């Protein structure tokens, strides 16, 4: 049977036949779900501000689309 590392604690656990896979236990599964629910997992993003020029272009495109 394939052995994988639990994504939460790193302990080796069997993948097949494991009702909590890829986690080693219900506890690790719930801890991961709690972190997800608390929005601890995020993707990196680059913050960008719209310039007045960008806003004008968007407004123009919306007006053209409406005609």
Protein backbone atom coordinates (compact mmCIF):
# COMPACT_ATOMS: atom_id res chain seq x y z
CA UNK A 1 0.00 0.00 0.00
CA UNK A 2 1.27 3.51 -0.76
CA UNK A 3 2.46 5.47 2.24
CA UNK A 4 2.04 9.27 2.19
CA UNK A 5 2.91 12.01 4.63
CA UNK A 6 -0.03 13.60 6.42
CA UNK A 7 -0.27 17.20 5.08
CA UNK A 8 -0.97 18.46 8.60
CA UNK A 9 1.48 16.69 10.91
CA UNK A 10 3.83 14.94 8.45
CA UNK A 11 3.37 11.50 9.99
CA UNK A 12 3.54 8.61 7.47
CA UNK A 13 0.12 7.09 6.86
CA UNK A 14 -1.40 4.54 4.50
CA UNK A 15 -3.30 6.11 1.63
CA UNK A 16 -5.58 3.25 0.64
CA UNK A 17 -8.23 2.15 3.10
CA UNK A 18 -7.77 5.32 5.15
CA UNK A 19 -11.11 7.08 5.64
CA UNK A 20 -9.32 10.35 6.49
CA UNK A 21 -6.90 10.35 3.57
CA UNK A 22 -4.69 12.12 2.84
CA UNK A 23 -4.66 12.90 6.56
CA UNK A 24 -3.58 10.40 9.19
CA UNK A 25 -6.53 10.97 11.51
CA UNK A 26 -9.81 12.77 11.96
CA UNK A 27 -8.02 15.28 14.20
CA UNK A 28 -5.58 16.31 11.44
CA UNK A 29 -8.45 16.48 8.96
CA UNK A 30 -10.46 18.77 11.24
CA UNK A 31 -7.45 20.96 12.03
CA UNK A 32 -6.85 21.46 8.31
CA UNK A 33 -10.53 22.21 7.71
CA UNK A 34 -10.49 24.75 10.57
CA UNK A 35 -7.47 26.50 9.05
CA UNK A 36 -9.25 26.59 5.70
CA UNK A 37 -12.45 27.95 7.28
CA UNK A 38 -10.44 30.65 9.09
CA UNK A 39 -8.98 31.66 5.70
CA UNK A 40 -5.42 30.82 6.72
CA UNK A 41 -4.76 29.44 3.24
CA UNK A 42 -4.45 32.11 0.59
CA UNK A 43 -2.88 32.50 -2.80
CA UNK A 44 -0.29 35.23 -3.22
CA UNK A 45 -1.53 38.17 -5.22
CA UNK A 46 -0.14 41.42 -6.43
CA UNK A 47 -2.20 44.34 -5.26
CA UNK A 48 -2.80 46.81 -8.01
CA UNK A 49 -4.73 50.03 -8.01
CA UNK A 50 -6.83 51.15 -10.92
CA UNK A 51 -5.76 54.47 -12.33
CA UNK A 52 -8.21 57.11 -13.50
CA UNK A 53 -7.22 56.19 -17.04
CA UNK A 54 -8.12 52.54 -16.40
CA UNK A 55 -11.49 53.54 -14.97
CA UNK A 56 -12.20 55.77 -17.97
CA UNK A 57 -11.40 52.89 -20.35
CA UNK A 58 -13.70 50.55 -18.44
CA UNK A 59 -16.53 53.08 -18.40
CA UNK A 60 -16.10 53.71 -22.13
CA UNK A 61 -16.19 49.98 -22.89
CA UNK A 62 -19.33 49.55 -20.78
CA UNK A 63 -21.05 52.44 -22.54
CA UNK A 64 -20.15 51.02 -25.97
CA UNK A 65 -21.42 47.64 -24.91
CA UNK A 66 -24.74 49.10 -23.82
CA UNK A 67 -25.48 50.65 -27.27
